[in-house]
């Protein structure tokens, strides 16, 4: 399982990458679940990361835009994609509906590599998620909109999360979990083994809008690695399982 850490500026980006984050995700946590940064700031952070950590995958959110405002969403996708990031993240209501289905169709035809982020606060429409699996997205994510009402595990039951992960894997899609995840959620993550897990709340001093702490990133990275190593430890005389899945 790889680790995604959300950052708001160049200093946090270097801190997270230096502490072991596999993916760096650019967002403004004070502006909402998927709060977007200005394109100029995104370009600046990308330049800093490419110079110091050239192999790190960089994603960026477009901001919290209403699902029925497709024109603004696509314009923001173009703006963010043009900043040099590897992936553009777009929030999609997980509960589905006509506007969400239309948005997925339009995002699937975008010129940039878009990762739909299914916001699970009101549940996940399995049919909508399955439709996304059939489209040319490089990865899929499950997340939450409200960060003060609990983690993703408080909104979606473990069996449902496991079924969605299996659905994505069957389609060859890497899948990530996020949504106010903290240390108590590690057993669930280790049981589900998504391809990657996203963090902000767990690696900040105080609230998710506070300052990112490198020591917390390192501690969480170690906990994930130690837990995964225990989960895949071979039985006596057996052979070890794969320790890492491609994102």
Protein backbone atom coordinates (compact mmCIF):
# COMPACT_ATOMS: atom_id res chain seq x y z
CA UNK A 1 0.00 0.00 0.00
CA UNK A 2 1.42 3.34 -1.01
CA UNK A 3 0.92 6.60 0.86
CA UNK A 4 -0.55 9.83 -0.51
CA UNK A 5 -0.12 13.00 1.53
CA UNK A 6 -1.99 16.23 0.77
CA UNK A 7 0.01 19.47 0.97
CA UNK A 8 -0.71 23.17 0.43
CA UNK A 9 2.71 24.63 -0.42
CA UNK A 10 6.28 23.87 -1.44
CA UNK A 11 7.59 23.52 2.11
CA UNK A 12 4.94 20.96 3.00
CA UNK A 13 5.54 19.14 -0.29
CA UNK A 14 9.26 18.77 0.39
CA UNK A 15 8.56 17.75 3.98
CA UNK A 16 6.10 15.03 2.94
CA UNK A 17 8.26 13.69 0.13
CA UNK A 18 11.34 13.67 2.35
CA UNK A 19 9.44 11.79 5.06
CA UNK A 20 8.45 8.95 2.76
CA UNK A 21 5.20 9.88 1.00
CA UNK A 22 4.85 8.07 -2.34
CA UNK A 23 2.36 10.55 -3.84
CA UNK A 24 2.10 14.29 -3.18
CA UNK A 25 -1.39 15.72 -3.56
CA UNK A 26 -1.81 19.49 -3.92
CA UNK A 27 -4.84 21.10 -2.30
CA UNK A 28 -5.91 23.87 0.07
CA UNK A 29 -7.48 22.14 3.11
CA UNK A 30 -8.94 25.40 4.39
CA UNK A 31 -11.06 25.64 1.21
CA UNK A 32 -12.95 22.36 1.63
CA UNK A 33 -12.48 18.63 1.13
CA UNK A 34 -10.98 19.10 -2.33
CA UNK A 35 -10.06 22.76 -2.01
CA UNK A 36 -8.10 23.87 -5.03
CA UNK A 37 -4.91 25.90 -5.23
CA UNK A 38 -4.30 28.69 -7.73
CA UNK A 39 -2.58 27.45 -10.91
CA UNK A 40 0.46 29.65 -10.23
CA UNK A 41 0.97 28.00 -6.84
CA UNK A 42 0.51 24.53 -8.32
CA UNK A 43 3.20 25.27 -10.92
CA UNK A 44 5.55 26.55 -8.23
CA UNK A 45 5.10 23.44 -6.06
CA UNK A 46 5.54 21.16 -9.07
CA UNK A 47 8.81 22.90 -9.95
CA UNK A 48 10.12 22.50 -6.39
CA UNK A 49 9.21 18.80 -6.27
CA UNK A 50 10.55 17.99 -9.73
CA UNK A 51 13.90 19.52 -8.76
CA UNK A 52 14.27 17.67 -5.45
CA UNK A 53 12.13 14.54 -5.85
CA UNK A 54 11.83 13.93 -9.59
CA UNK A 55 10.31 10.46 -9.28
CA UNK A 56 7.42 11.46 -7.01
CA UNK A 57 3.92 11.29 -8.48
CA UNK A 58 2.06 14.60 -8.11
CA UNK A 59 -1.70 15.06 -8.15
CA UNK A 60 -3.79 18.20 -7.66
CA UNK A 61 -7.45 18.85 -7.01
CA UNK A 62 -9.59 21.26 -9.03
CA UNK A 63 -11.53 22.53 -6.00
CA UNK A 64 -15.03 21.85 -4.71
CA UNK A 65 -17.19 22.58 -7.75
CA UNK A 66 -20.93 21.64 -7.93
CA UNK A 67 -21.41 18.47 -9.97
CA UNK A 68 -23.88 20.14 -12.32
CA UNK A 69 -21.41 22.91 -13.27
CA UNK A 70 -19.69 20.82 -15.89
CA UNK A 71 -18.21 23.73 -17.81
CA UNK A 72 -16.39 25.07 -14.75
CA UNK A 73 -15.18 21.58 -13.85
CA UNK A 74 -13.74 20.96 -17.31
CA UNK A 75 -12.14 24.40 -17.39
CA UNK A 76 -10.51 23.73 -14.03
CA UNK A 77 -9.34 20.31 -15.25
CA UNK A 78 -7.59 22.03 -18.16
CA UNK A 79 -6.05 24.67 -15.90
CA UNK A 80 -4.74 22.17 -13.35
CA UNK A 81 -3.64 19.64 -15.97
CA UNK A 82 -1.61 22.33 -17.68
CA UNK A 83 0.41 22.97 -14.50
CA UNK A 84 2.56 19.87 -14.99
CA UNK A 85 0.93 17.51 -12.49
CA UNK A 86 0.67 13.79 -13.20
CA UNK A 87 -2.96 13.43 -12.15
CA UNK A 88 -5.97 15.75 -11.82
CA UNK A 89 -8.46 14.88 -9.05
CA UNK A 90 -12.15 15.71 -9.44
CA UNK A 91 -14.83 15.14 -6.81
CA UNK A 92 -17.91 13.13 -7.85
CA UNK A 93 -20.98 12.54 -5.60
CA UNK A 94 -20.70 8.89 -4.67
CA UNK A 95 -24.47 8.56 -4.35
CA UNK A 96 -24.78 9.00 -8.11
CA UNK A 97 -27.53 10.72 -10.04
CA UNK A 98 -27.85 12.01 -13.64
CA UNK A 99 -25.39 14.88 -13.16
CA UNK A 100 -22.75 12.54 -11.72
CA UNK A 101 -23.17 10.10 -14.60
CA UNK A 102 -22.87 12.90 -17.14
CA UNK A 103 -19.79 14.27 -15.41
CA UNK A 104 -18.06 10.89 -15.53
CA UNK A 105 -18.71 10.63 -19.26
CA UNK A 106 -17.23 14.08 -19.85
CA UNK A 107 -14.24 13.48 -17.59
CA UNK A 108 -13.51 10.24 -19.40
CA UNK A 109 -12.98 12.22 -22.59
CA UNK A 110 -10.74 14.87 -20.99
CA UNK A 111 -7.30 15.55 -22.42
CA UNK A 112 -5.67 15.09 -19.00
CA UNK A 113 -5.34 12.02 -16.72
CA UNK A 114 -8.30 12.50 -14.37
CA UNK A 115 -8.86 10.57 -11.14
CA UNK A 116 -12.53 10.63 -10.07
CA UNK A 117 -12.84 10.98 -6.29
CA UNK A 118 -16.11 9.43 -5.14
CA UNK A 119 -17.37 11.33 -2.09
CA UNK A 120 -19.01 8.76 0.15
CA UNK A 121 -20.87 10.91 2.70
CA UNK A 122 -24.26 9.90 1.26
CA UNK A 123 -23.22 6.41 0.20
CA UNK A 124 -21.70 4.90 -2.91
CA UNK A 125 -23.69 3.93 -5.99
CA UNK A 126 -22.04 0.68 -7.06
CA UNK A 127 -23.36 1.05 -10.61
CA UNK A 128 -21.79 4.52 -10.92
CA UNK A 129 -18.49 3.23 -9.54
CA UNK A 130 -18.61 0.30 -11.95
CA UNK A 131 -19.21 2.68 -14.85
CA UNK A 132 -16.09 4.62 -13.85
CA UNK A 133 -14.11 1.38 -13.83
CA UNK A 134 -15.00 0.92 -17.49
CA UNK A 135 -13.73 4.38 -18.49
CA UNK A 136 -10.10 5.36 -19.24
CA UNK A 137 -9.27 6.77 -15.82
CA UNK A 138 -5.77 6.00 -14.48
CA UNK A 139 -7.09 5.36 -10.94
CA UNK A 140 -10.16 5.79 -8.73
CA UNK A 141 -10.53 7.09 -5.18
CA UNK A 142 -13.06 6.97 -2.35
CA UNK A 143 -13.09 9.97 0.00
CA UNK A 144 -15.41 12.08 2.15
CA UNK A 145 -16.67 15.63 1.84
CA UNK A 146 -17.21 16.38 5.52
CA UNK A 147 -13.99 15.90 7.48
CA UNK A 148 -15.41 16.45 10.98
CA UNK A 149 -18.03 13.68 11.03
CA UNK A 150 -15.65 10.74 11.12
CA UNK A 151 -13.50 8.88 8.65
CA UNK A 152 -14.43 7.04 5.47
CA UNK A 153 -15.01 3.92 7.58
CA UNK A 154 -17.84 5.71 9.40
CA UNK A 155 -19.68 6.23 6.10
CA UNK A 156 -19.01 3.00 4.21
CA UNK A 157 -18.96 -0.46 5.76
CA UNK A 158 -15.93 -2.69 5.37
CA UNK A 159 -17.71 -5.30 3.21
CA UNK A 160 -18.86 -2.59 0.79
CA UNK A 161 -15.38 -1.08 0.60
CA UNK A 162 -13.93 -4.53 -0.06
CA UNK A 163 -16.46 -5.12 -2.85
CA UNK A 164 -15.64 -1.78 -4.49
CA UNK A 165 -11.91 -2.51 -4.33
CA UNK A 166 -12.49 -5.91 -5.94
CA UNK A 167 -14.57 -4.26 -8.66
CA UNK A 168 -11.80 -1.78 -9.46
CA UNK A 169 -9.11 -4.46 -9.40
CA UNK A 170 -11.12 -6.68 -11.74
CA UNK A 171 -11.12 -3.77 -14.20
CA UNK A 172 -7.37 -3.24 -13.75
CA UNK A 173 -7.87 0.09 -11.95
CA UNK A 174 -5.71 1.09 -8.98
CA UNK A 175 -7.92 2.29 -6.16
CA UNK A 176 -7.20 4.56 -3.20
CA UNK A 177 -8.98 5.29 0.07
CA UNK A 178 -8.98 8.63 1.88
CA UNK A 179 -11.30 10.69 4.06
CA UNK A 180 -10.11 11.94 7.47
CA UNK A 181 -8.13 8.72 7.97
CA UNK A 182 -6.17 8.50 11.21
CA UNK A 183 -4.18 5.91 13.16
CA UNK A 184 -7.28 4.03 14.44
CA UNK A 185 -8.20 3.37 10.80
CA UNK A 186 -4.94 1.53 10.05
CA UNK A 187 -6.31 -1.96 10.86
CA UNK A 188 -9.11 -1.42 8.35
CA UNK A 189 -6.70 -0.17 5.70
CA UNK A 190 -4.36 -3.09 6.28
CA UNK A 191 -7.25 -5.53 6.01
CA UNK A 192 -8.53 -4.01 2.76
CA UNK A 193 -5.10 -3.34 1.18
CA UNK A 194 -6.07 -0.60 -1.28
CA UNK A 195 -3.35 0.36 -3.74
CA UNK A 196 -2.84 3.63 -1.89
CA UNK A 197 -4.23 5.54 1.08
CA UNK A 198 -4.52 9.32 1.38
CA UNK A 199 -3.82 11.36 4.49
CA UNK A 200 -3.94 14.94 5.72
CA UNK A 201 -5.66 14.95 9.11
CA UNK A 202 -3.36 12.26 10.52
CA UNK A 203 -0.13 14.03 9.61
CA UNK A 204 -0.84 17.59 10.78
CA UNK A 205 -0.29 19.33 14.09
CA UNK A 206 -3.86 19.86 15.23
CA UNK A 207 -6.61 20.08 12.62
CA UNK A 208 -6.17 19.20 8.95
CA UNK A 209 -5.87 22.92 8.28
CA UNK A 210 -2.81 23.05 10.54
CA UNK A 211 0.84 22.55 9.65
CA UNK A 212 2.02 19.27 8.21
CA UNK A 213 4.48 17.45 10.53
CA UNK A 214 7.26 15.40 8.97
CA UNK A 215 7.61 13.17 12.03
CA UNK A 216 3.94 12.22 11.76
CA UNK A 217 4.37 11.33 8.08
CA UNK A 218 7.37 9.13 8.96
CA UNK A 219 5.54 7.45 11.83
CA UNK A 220 2.50 6.72 9.71
CA UNK A 221 4.66 5.44 6.85
CA UNK A 222 6.40 3.08 9.29
CA UNK A 223 3.10 1.89 10.76
CA UNK A 224 1.77 1.10 7.28
CA UNK A 225 4.95 -0.74 6.29
CA UNK A 226 5.18 -2.68 9.56
CA UNK A 227 1.53 -3.65 9.47
CA UNK A 228 1.74 -4.72 5.84
CA UNK A 229 4.86 -6.78 6.49
CA UNK A 230 3.05 -8.62 9.29
CA UNK A 231 -0.02 -9.16 7.11
CA UNK A 232 1.97 -10.80 4.33
CA UNK A 233 4.52 -12.66 6.48
CA UNK A 234 4.79 -16.17 5.06
CA UNK A 235 3.66 -19.17 7.02
CA UNK A 236 6.33 -21.69 7.99
CA UNK A 237 7.82 -23.06 4.80
CA UNK A 238 5.71 -20.72 2.66
CA UNK A 239 6.69 -18.01 0.26
CA UNK A 240 6.10 -14.27 0.90
CA UNK A 241 3.32 -12.48 -0.93
CA UNK A 242 3.89 -9.37 -2.99
CA UNK A 243 4.69 -6.44 -0.74
CA UNK A 244 3.57 -3.68 -3.08
CA UNK A 245 1.02 -3.12 -5.77
CA UNK A 246 1.51 -0.65 -8.61
CA UNK A 247 -0.53 2.55 -8.15
